[in-house]
Amino acid sequence: MTNNKLHKKLIDKMFKIAGYEIGYKEIKNRDDNWFQQYTMTHAQEEKWKVYCLKKIKKAFPSFSNKFVILQYSYFNMSFGLKIKTNDK
């Protein structure tokens, strides 16, 4: 998946869903593991996953559903926030 505009949109939405007031603009020049410094709940991750799958499919309509899921999984592995171990 090589759509920088989409990457920015997905990262912005991830932070919004997780309840943070930052986005791509604040982390774009960081070369540390910024994604390990923030967390989201399992429910927030599921909401973000649904959003990502929809946006990836819209941006790349020729991708099969299986490939869309694969692209999401790779993106989440690379940039997804840590999941809280307890959702309290």
PDB file of N, CA and C in Angstrom:
ATOM      1  N   MET A   1       0.861  -1.172   0.000  1.00  0.00           N
ATOM      2  CA  MET A   1       0.000   0.000   0.000  1.00  0.00           C
ATOM      3  C   MET A   1       0.903   1.229   0.000  1.00  0.00           C
ATOM      4  N   THR A   2       0.860   1.989  -1.038  1.00  0.00           N
ATOM      5  CA  THR A   2       1.781   3.121  -1.163  1.00  0.00           C
ATOM      6  C   THR A   2       1.043   4.438  -1.375  1.00  0.00           C
ATOM      7  N   ASN A   3       0.064   4.691  -0.562  1.00  0.00           N
ATOM      8  CA  ASN A   3      -0.696   5.921  -0.685  1.00  0.00           C
ATOM      9  C   ASN A   3      -0.454   6.755   0.575  1.00  0.00           C
ATOM     10  N   ASN A   4       0.473   7.737   0.486  1.00  0.00           N
ATOM     11  CA  ASN A   4       0.840   8.534   1.662  1.00  0.00           C
ATOM     12  C   ASN A   4      -0.333   9.307   2.241  1.00  0.00           C
ATOM     13  N   LYS A   5      -1.209   9.795   1.394  1.00  0.00           N
ATOM     14  CA  LYS A   5      -2.390  10.512   1.874  1.00  0.00           C
ATOM     15  C   LYS A   5      -3.261   9.578   2.715  1.00  0.00           C
ATOM     16  N   LEU A   6      -3.407   8.349   2.265  1.00  0.00           N
ATOM     17  CA  LEU A   6      -4.173   7.357   3.024  1.00  0.00           C
ATOM     18  C   LEU A   6      -3.479   7.030   4.339  1.00  0.00           C
ATOM     19  N   HIS A   7      -2.172   6.868   4.323  1.00  0.00           N
ATOM     20  CA  HIS A   7      -1.419   6.590   5.559  1.00  0.00           C
ATOM     21  C   HIS A   7      -1.684   7.684   6.591  1.00  0.00           C
ATOM     22  N   LYS A   8      -1.598   8.923   6.165  1.00  0.00           N
ATOM     23  CA  LYS A   8      -1.828  10.051   7.074  1.00  0.00           C
ATOM     24  C   LYS A   8      -3.235  10.007   7.649  1.00  0.00           C
ATOM     25  N   LYS A   9      -4.210   9.751   6.788  1.00  0.00           N
ATOM     26  CA  LYS A   9      -5.607   9.701   7.222  1.00  0.00           C
ATOM     27  C   LYS A   9      -5.825   8.562   8.231  1.00  0.00           C
ATOM     28  N   LEU A  10      -5.236   7.405   7.972  1.00  0.00           N
ATOM     29  CA  LEU A  10      -5.397   6.263   8.874  1.00  0.00           C
ATOM     30  C   LEU A  10      -4.755   6.533  10.235  1.00  0.00           C
ATOM     31  N   ILE A  11      -3.581   7.125  10.226  1.00  0.00           N
ATOM     32  CA  ILE A  11      -2.900   7.435  11.491  1.00  0.00           C
ATOM     33  C   ILE A  11      -3.675   8.497  12.264  1.00  0.00           C
ATOM     34  N   ASP A  12      -4.150   9.522  11.578  1.00  0.00           N
ATOM     35  CA  ASP A  12      -4.959  10.546  12.254  1.00  0.00           C
ATOM     36  C   ASP A  12      -6.194   9.931  12.904  1.00  0.00           C
ATOM     37  N   LYS A  13      -6.869   9.057  12.174  1.00  0.00           N
ATOM     38  CA  LYS A  13      -8.084   8.421  12.703  1.00  0.00           C
ATOM     39  C   LYS A  13      -7.754   7.489  13.863  1.00  0.00           C
ATOM     40  N   MET A  14      -6.630   6.796  13.793  1.00  0.00           N
ATOM     41  CA  MET A  14      -6.221   5.906  14.874  1.00  0.00           C
ATOM     42  C   MET A  14      -6.086   6.684  16.181  1.00  0.00           C
ATOM     43  N   PHE A  15      -5.389   7.812  16.127  1.00  0.00           N
ATOM     44  CA  PHE A  15      -5.226   8.614  17.337  1.00  0.00           C
ATOM     45  C   PHE A  15      -6.562   9.163  17.830  1.00  0.00           C
ATOM     46  N   LYS A  16      -7.410   9.582  16.908  1.00  0.00           N
ATOM     47  CA  LYS A  16      -8.720  10.114  17.286  1.00  0.00           C
ATOM     48  C   LYS A  16      -9.553   9.042  17.981  1.00  0.00           C
ATOM     49  N   ILE A  17      -9.614   7.859  17.395  1.00  0.00           N
ATOM     50  CA  ILE A  17     -10.377   6.767  17.996  1.00  0.00           C
ATOM     51  C   ILE A  17      -9.809   6.404  19.365  1.00  0.00           C
ATOM     52  N   ALA A  18      -8.496   6.458  19.506  1.00  0.00           N
ATOM     53  CA  ALA A  18      -7.850   6.113  20.776  1.00  0.00           C
ATOM     54  C   ALA A  18      -7.972   7.227  21.818  1.00  0.00           C
ATOM     55  N   GLY A  19      -8.493   8.384  21.410  1.00  0.00           N
ATOM     56  CA  GLY A  19      -8.731   9.465  22.352  1.00  0.00           C
ATOM     57  C   GLY A  19      -7.581  10.446  22.525  1.00  0.00           C
ATOM     58  N   TYR A  20      -6.657  10.464  21.592  1.00  0.00           N
ATOM     59  CA  TYR A  20      -5.520  11.387  21.668  1.00  0.00           C
ATOM     60  C   TYR A  20      -5.776  12.597  20.776  1.00  0.00           C
ATOM     61  N   GLU A  21      -5.207  13.725  21.149  1.00  0.00           N
ATOM     62  CA  GLU A  21      -5.362  14.949  20.378  1.00  0.00           C
ATOM     63  C   GLU A  21      -4.134  15.235  19.527  1.00  0.00           C
ATOM     64  N   ILE A  22      -3.507  14.197  19.042  1.00  0.00           N
ATOM     65  CA  ILE A  22      -2.370  14.343  18.134  1.00  0.00           C
ATOM     66  C   ILE A  22      -2.699  13.565  16.865  1.00  0.00           C
ATOM     67  N   GLY A  23      -1.820  13.684  15.896  1.00  0.00           N
ATOM     68  CA  GLY A  23      -2.033  12.972  14.648  1.00  0.00           C
ATOM     69  C   GLY A  23      -0.735  12.818  13.896  1.00  0.00           C
ATOM     70  N   TYR A  24      -0.862  12.565  12.624  1.00  0.00           N
ATOM     71  CA  TYR A  24       0.301  12.332  11.775  1.00  0.00           C
ATOM     72  C   TYR A  24       1.297  13.486  11.846  1.00  0.00           C
ATOM     73  N   LYS A  25       0.781  14.706  11.848  1.00  0.00           N
ATOM     74  CA  LYS A  25       1.641  15.892  11.839  1.00  0.00           C
ATOM     75  C   LYS A  25       2.623  15.883  13.016  1.00  0.00           C
ATOM     76  N   GLU A  26       2.161  15.413  14.175  1.00  0.00           N
ATOM     77  CA  GLU A  26       3.003  15.429  15.376  1.00  0.00           C
ATOM     78  C   GLU A  26       4.033  14.296  15.402  1.00  0.00           C
ATOM     79  N   ILE A  27       3.787  13.225  14.687  1.00  0.00           N
ATOM     80  CA  ILE A  27       4.716  12.086  14.762  1.00  0.00           C
ATOM     81  C   ILE A  27       5.531  11.876  13.485  1.00  0.00           C
ATOM     82  N   LYS A  28       5.231  12.613  12.430  1.00  0.00           N
ATOM     83  CA  LYS A  28       5.842  12.336  11.127  1.00  0.00           C
ATOM     84  C   LYS A  28       7.367  12.407  11.114  1.00  0.00           C
ATOM     85  N   ASN A  29       7.955  13.260  11.917  1.00  0.00           N
ATOM     86  CA  ASN A  29       9.416  13.392  11.909  1.00  0.00           C
ATOM     87  C   ASN A  29      10.101  12.650  13.050  1.00  0.00           C
ATOM     88  N   ARG A  30       9.326  11.927  13.816  1.00  0.00           N
ATOM     89  CA  ARG A  30       9.920  11.167  14.924  1.00  0.00           C
ATOM     90  C   ARG A  30      10.533   9.884  14.379  1.00  0.00           C
ATOM     91  N   ASP A  31      11.727   9.562  14.865  1.00  0.00           N
ATOM     92  CA  ASP A  31      12.361   8.319  14.428  1.00  0.00           C
ATOM     93  C   ASP A  31      12.482   7.310  15.568  1.00  0.00           C
ATOM     94  N   ASP A  32      11.733   7.560  16.641  1.00  0.00           N
ATOM     95  CA  ASP A  32      11.688   6.600  17.745  1.00  0.00           C
ATOM     96  C   ASP A  32      10.464   5.694  17.553  1.00  0.00           C
ATOM     97  N   ASN A  33      10.213   4.826  18.493  1.00  0.00           N
ATOM     98  CA  ASN A  33       9.058   3.932  18.428  1.00  0.00           C
ATOM     99  C   ASN A  33       7.841   4.607  19.051  1.00  0.00           C
ATOM    100  N   TRP A  34       7.404   5.698  18.441  1.00  0.00           N
ATOM    101  CA  TRP A  34       6.291   6.489  18.974  1.00  0.00           C
ATOM    102  C   TRP A  34       5.038   5.657  19.168  1.00  0.00           C
ATOM    103  N   PHE A  35       4.799   4.683  18.309  1.00  0.00           N
ATOM    104  CA  PHE A  35       3.582   3.868  18.365  1.00  0.00           C
ATOM    105  C   PHE A  35       3.524   2.985  19.604  1.00  0.00           C
ATOM    106  N   GLN A  36       4.643   2.806  20.296  1.00  0.00           N
ATOM    107  CA  GLN A  36       4.647   2.033  21.535  1.00  0.00           C
ATOM    108  C   GLN A  36       4.386   2.907  22.756  1.00  0.00           C
ATOM    109  N   GLN A  37       4.328   4.213  22.573  1.00  0.00           N
ATOM    110  CA  GLN A  37       4.120   5.136  23.680  1.00  0.00           C
ATOM    111  C   GLN A  37       2.647   5.471  23.899  1.00  0.00           C
ATOM    112  N   TYR A  38       1.783   4.982  23.047  1.00  0.00           N
ATOM    113  CA  TYR A  38       0.351   5.253  23.129  1.00  0.00           C
ATOM    114  C   TYR A  38      -0.392   3.919  23.114  1.00  0.00           C
ATOM    115  N   THR A  39      -1.573   3.910  23.719  1.00  0.00           N
ATOM    116  CA  THR A  39      -2.348   2.674  23.756  1.00  0.00           C
ATOM    117  C   THR A  39      -3.779   2.909  23.304  1.00  0.00           C
ATOM    118  N   MET A  40      -4.439   1.823  22.993  1.00  0.00           N
ATOM    119  CA  MET A  40      -5.867   1.839  22.706  1.00  0.00           C
ATOM    120  C   MET A  40      -6.458   0.545  23.264  1.00  0.00           C
ATOM    121  N   THR A  41      -7.744   0.542  23.470  1.00  0.00           N
ATOM    122  CA  THR A  41      -8.421  -0.644  23.973  1.00  0.00           C
ATOM    123  C   THR A  41      -8.701  -1.601  22.813  1.00  0.00           C
ATOM    124  N   HIS A  42      -9.107  -2.816  23.153  1.00  0.00           N
ATOM    125  CA  HIS A  42      -9.489  -3.773  22.109  1.00  0.00           C
ATOM    126  C   HIS A  42     -10.677  -3.239  21.302  1.00  0.00           C
ATOM    127  N   ALA A  43     -11.634  -2.622  21.987  1.00  0.00           N
ATOM    128  CA  ALA A  43     -12.808  -2.072  21.297  1.00  0.00           C
ATOM    129  C   ALA A  43     -12.402  -0.955  20.340  1.00  0.00           C
ATOM    130  N   GLN A  44     -11.481  -0.094  20.768  1.00  0.00           N
ATOM    131  CA  GLN A  44     -10.999   0.981  19.899  1.00  0.00           C
ATOM    132  C   GLN A  44     -10.245   0.403  18.706  1.00  0.00           C
ATOM    133  N   GLU A  45      -9.472  -0.633  18.942  1.00  0.00           N
ATOM    134  CA  GLU A  45      -8.737  -1.265  17.846  1.00  0.00           C
ATOM    135  C   GLU A  45      -9.710  -1.850  16.825  1.00  0.00           C
ATOM    136  N   GLU A  46     -10.771  -2.472  17.287  1.00  0.00           N
ATOM    137  CA  GLU A  46     -11.754  -3.049  16.372  1.00  0.00           C
ATOM    138  C   GLU A  46     -12.424  -1.960  15.534  1.00  0.00           C
ATOM    139  N   LYS A  47     -12.740  -0.843  16.176  1.00  0.00           N
ATOM    140  CA  LYS A  47     -13.346   0.286  15.451  1.00  0.00           C
ATOM    141  C   LYS A  47     -12.373   0.822  14.403  1.00  0.00           C
ATOM    142  N   TRP A  48     -11.105   0.935  14.777  1.00  0.00           N
ATOM    143  CA  TRP A  48     -10.090   1.421  13.840  1.00  0.00           C
ATOM    144  C   TRP A  48      -9.896   0.428  12.690  1.00  0.00           C
ATOM    145  N   LYS A  49      -9.924  -0.855  12.992  1.00  0.00           N
ATOM    146  CA  LYS A  49      -9.766  -1.887  11.962  1.00  0.00           C
ATOM    147  C   LYS A  49     -10.880  -1.768  10.917  1.00  0.00           C
ATOM    148  N   VAL A  50     -12.118  -1.646  11.375  1.00  0.00           N
ATOM    149  CA  VAL A  50     -13.254  -1.515  10.460  1.00  0.00           C
ATOM    150  C   VAL A  50     -13.071  -0.284   9.571  1.00  0.00           C
ATOM    151  N   TYR A  51     -12.669   0.831  10.183  1.00  0.00           N
ATOM    152  CA  TYR A  51     -12.430   2.067   9.445  1.00  0.00           C
ATOM    153  C   TYR A  51     -11.327   1.848   8.395  1.00  0.00           C
ATOM    154  N   CYS A  52     -10.218   1.247   8.805  1.00  0.00           N
ATOM    155  CA  CYS A  52      -9.088   1.025   7.888  1.00  0.00           C
ATOM    156  C   CYS A  52      -9.478   0.144   6.712  1.00  0.00           C
ATOM    157  N   LEU A  53     -10.153  -0.951   6.994  1.00  0.00           N
ATOM    158  CA  LEU A  53     -10.534  -1.869   5.921  1.00  0.00           C
ATOM    159  C   LEU A  53     -11.405  -1.158   4.893  1.00  0.00           C
ATOM    160  N   LYS A  54     -12.329  -0.346   5.376  1.00  0.00           N
ATOM    161  CA  LYS A  54     -13.212   0.407   4.478  1.00  0.00           C
ATOM    162  C   LYS A  54     -12.407   1.398   3.628  1.00  0.00           C
ATOM    163  N   LYS A  55     -11.499   2.127   4.254  1.00  0.00           N
ATOM    164  CA  LYS A  55     -10.719   3.140   3.530  1.00  0.00           C
ATOM    165  C   LYS A  55      -9.730   2.515   2.549  1.00  0.00           C
ATOM    166  N   ILE A  56      -9.108   1.415   2.939  1.00  0.00           N
ATOM    167  CA  ILE A  56      -8.164   0.740   2.034  1.00  0.00           C
ATOM    168  C   ILE A  56      -8.911   0.207   0.816  1.00  0.00           C
ATOM    169  N   LYS A  57     -10.062  -0.416   1.051  1.00  0.00           N
ATOM    170  CA  LYS A  57     -10.854  -0.955  -0.061  1.00  0.00           C
ATOM    171  C   LYS A  57     -11.307   0.168  -0.995  1.00  0.00           C
ATOM    172  N   LYS A  58     -11.693   1.299  -0.426  1.00  0.00           N
ATOM    173  CA  LYS A  58     -12.129   2.439  -1.250  1.00  0.00           C
ATOM    174  C   LYS A  58     -10.964   2.992  -2.079  1.00  0.00           C
ATOM    175  N   ALA A  59      -9.775   3.066  -1.467  1.00  0.00           N
ATOM    176  CA  ALA A  59      -8.600   3.611  -2.165  1.00  0.00           C
ATOM    177  C   ALA A  59      -8.067   2.656  -3.228  1.00  0.00           C
ATOM    178  N   PHE A  60      -8.262   1.366  -2.998  1.00  0.00           N
ATOM    179  CA  PHE A  60      -7.741   0.349  -3.917  1.00  0.00           C
ATOM    180  C   PHE A  60      -8.849  -0.656  -4.253  1.00  0.00           C
ATOM    181  N   PRO A  61      -9.825  -0.248  -5.038  1.00  0.00           N
ATOM    182  CA  PRO A  61     -10.983  -1.116  -5.295  1.00  0.00           C
ATOM    183  C   PRO A  61     -10.644  -2.429  -5.998  1.00  0.00           C
ATOM    184  N   SER A  62      -9.511  -2.491  -6.659  1.00  0.00           N
ATOM    185  CA  SER A  62      -9.143  -3.732  -7.348  1.00  0.00           C
ATOM    186  C   SER A  62      -8.565  -4.783  -6.393  1.00  0.00           C
ATOM    187  N   PHE A  63      -8.229  -4.375  -5.165  1.00  0.00           N
ATOM    188  CA  PHE A  63      -7.700  -5.337  -4.191  1.00  0.00           C
ATOM    189  C   PHE A  63      -8.803  -6.303  -3.775  1.00  0.00           C
ATOM    190  N   SER A  64      -8.458  -7.571  -3.659  1.00  0.00           N
ATOM    191  CA  SER A  64      -9.402  -8.547  -3.120  1.00  0.00           C
ATOM    192  C   SER A  64      -9.582  -8.277  -1.629  1.00  0.00           C
ATOM    193  N   ASN A  65     -10.665  -8.760  -1.059  1.00  0.00           N
ATOM    194  CA  ASN A  65     -10.898  -8.573   0.379  1.00  0.00           C
ATOM    195  C   ASN A  65      -9.769  -9.171   1.199  1.00  0.00           C
ATOM    196  N   LYS A  66      -9.268 -10.306   0.773  1.00  0.00           N
ATOM    197  CA  LYS A  66      -8.156 -10.960   1.473  1.00  0.00           C
ATOM    198  C   LYS A  66      -6.904 -10.070   1.456  1.00  0.00           C
ATOM    199  N   PHE A  67      -6.643  -9.446   0.310  1.00  0.00           N
ATOM    200  CA  PHE A  67      -5.474  -8.575   0.201  1.00  0.00           C
ATOM    201  C   PHE A  67      -5.653  -7.293   1.002  1.00  0.00           C
ATOM    202  N   VAL A  68      -6.874  -6.783   1.066  1.00  0.00           N
ATOM    203  CA  VAL A  68      -7.169  -5.601   1.896  1.00  0.00           C
ATOM    204  C   VAL A  68      -6.856  -5.924   3.356  1.00  0.00           C
ATOM    205  N   ILE A  69      -7.277  -7.084   3.812  1.00  0.00           N
ATOM    206  CA  ILE A  69      -6.999  -7.505   5.198  1.00  0.00           C
ATOM    207  C   ILE A  69      -5.504  -7.642   5.420  1.00  0.00           C
ATOM    208  N   LEU A  70      -4.807  -8.199   4.454  1.00  0.00           N
ATOM    209  CA  LEU A  70      -3.355  -8.328   4.549  1.00  0.00           C
ATOM    210  C   LEU A  70      -2.687  -6.957   4.641  1.00  0.00           C
ATOM    211  N   GLN A  71      -3.146  -6.009   3.831  1.00  0.00           N
ATOM    212  CA  GLN A  71      -2.587  -4.655   3.866  1.00  0.00           C
ATOM    213  C   GLN A  71      -2.849  -3.986   5.215  1.00  0.00           C
ATOM    214  N   TYR A  72      -4.068  -4.148   5.734  1.00  0.00           N
ATOM    215  CA  TYR A  72      -4.381  -3.611   7.055  1.00  0.00           C
ATOM    216  C   TYR A  72      -3.465  -4.233   8.105  1.00  0.00           C
ATOM    217  N   SER A  73      -3.301  -5.535   8.061  1.00  0.00           N
ATOM    218  CA  SER A  73      -2.479  -6.235   9.060  1.00  0.00           C
ATOM    219  C   SER A  73      -1.044  -5.725   9.046  1.00  0.00           C
ATOM    220  N   TYR A  74      -0.501  -5.532   7.856  1.00  0.00           N
ATOM    221  CA  TYR A  74       0.857  -5.009   7.741  1.00  0.00           C
ATOM    222  C   TYR A  74       0.937  -3.574   8.280  1.00  0.00           C
ATOM    223  N   PHE A  75      -0.031  -2.749   7.917  1.00  0.00           N
ATOM    224  CA  PHE A  75      -0.049  -1.363   8.379  1.00  0.00           C
ATOM    225  C   PHE A  75      -0.187  -1.309   9.901  1.00  0.00           C
ATOM    226  N   ASN A  76      -1.082  -2.118  10.447  1.00  0.00           N
ATOM    227  CA  ASN A  76      -1.285  -2.153  11.892  1.00  0.00           C
ATOM    228  C   ASN A  76      -0.034  -2.645  12.613  1.00  0.00           C
ATOM    229  N   MET A  77       0.618  -3.639  12.058  1.00  0.00           N
ATOM    230  CA  MET A  77       1.845  -4.150  12.658  1.00  0.00           C
ATOM    231  C   MET A  77       2.937  -3.074  12.648  1.00  0.00           C
ATOM    232  N   SER A  78       2.968  -2.269  11.616  1.00  0.00           N
ATOM    233  CA  SER A  78       4.001  -1.242  11.477  1.00  0.00           C
ATOM    234  C   SER A  78       3.708   0.022  12.278  1.00  0.00           C
ATOM    235  N   PHE A  79       2.430   0.417  12.379  1.00  0.00           N
ATOM    236  CA  PHE A  79       2.091   1.712  12.958  1.00  0.00           C
ATOM    237  C   PHE A  79       1.024   1.675  14.050  1.00  0.00           C
ATOM    238  N   GLY A  80       0.390   0.529  14.247  1.00  0.00           N
ATOM    239  CA  GLY A  80      -0.703   0.449  15.216  1.00  0.00           C
ATOM    240  C   GLY A  80      -0.236   0.665  16.649  1.00  0.00           C
ATOM    241  N   LEU A  81      -1.119   1.249  17.438  1.00  0.00           N
ATOM    242  CA  LEU A  81      -0.812   1.506  18.842  1.00  0.00           C
ATOM    243  C   LEU A  81      -0.865   0.214  19.645  1.00  0.00           C
ATOM    244  N   LYS A  82      -0.175   0.224  20.782  1.00  0.00           N
ATOM    245  CA  LYS A  82      -0.229  -0.916  21.685  1.00  0.00           C
ATOM    246  C   LYS A  82      -1.646  -1.073  22.218  1.00  0.00           C
ATOM    247  N   ILE A  83      -2.028  -2.307  22.501  1.00  0.00           N
ATOM    248  CA  ILE A  83      -3.356  -2.594  23.025  1.00  0.00           C
ATOM    249  C   ILE A  83      -3.252  -2.731  24.535  1.00  0.00           C
ATOM    250  N   LYS A  84      -4.142  -2.035  25.225  1.00  0.00           N
ATOM    251  CA  LYS A  84      -4.198  -2.143  26.687  1.00  0.00           C
ATOM    252  C   LYS A  84      -4.550  -3.571  27.039  1.00  0.00           C
ATOM    253  N   THR A  85      -3.862  -4.119  28.030  1.00  0.00           N
ATOM    254  CA  THR A  85      -4.133  -5.497  28.415  1.00  0.00           C
ATOM    255  C   THR A  85      -5.417  -5.633  29.206  1.00  0.00           C
ATOM    256  N   ASN A  86      -5.843  -4.569  29.876  1.00  0.00           N
ATOM    257  CA  ASN A  86      -7.171  -4.595  30.510  1.00  0.00           C
ATOM    258  C   ASN A  86      -7.876  -3.317  30.134  1.00  0.00           C
ATOM    259  N   ASP A  87      -9.131  -3.457  29.763  1.00  0.00           N
ATOM    260  CA  ASP A  87      -9.890  -2.335  29.196  1.00  0.00           C
ATOM    261  C   ASP A  87     -10.637  -1.523  30.258  1.00  0.00           C
ATOM    262  N   LYS A  88     -10.068  -1.369  31.423  1.00  0.00           N
ATOM    263  CA  LYS A  88     -10.721  -0.598  32.488  1.00  0.00           C
ATOM    264  C   LYS A  88     -10.494   0.877  32.296  1.00  0.00           C
TER     265      LYS A  88
END
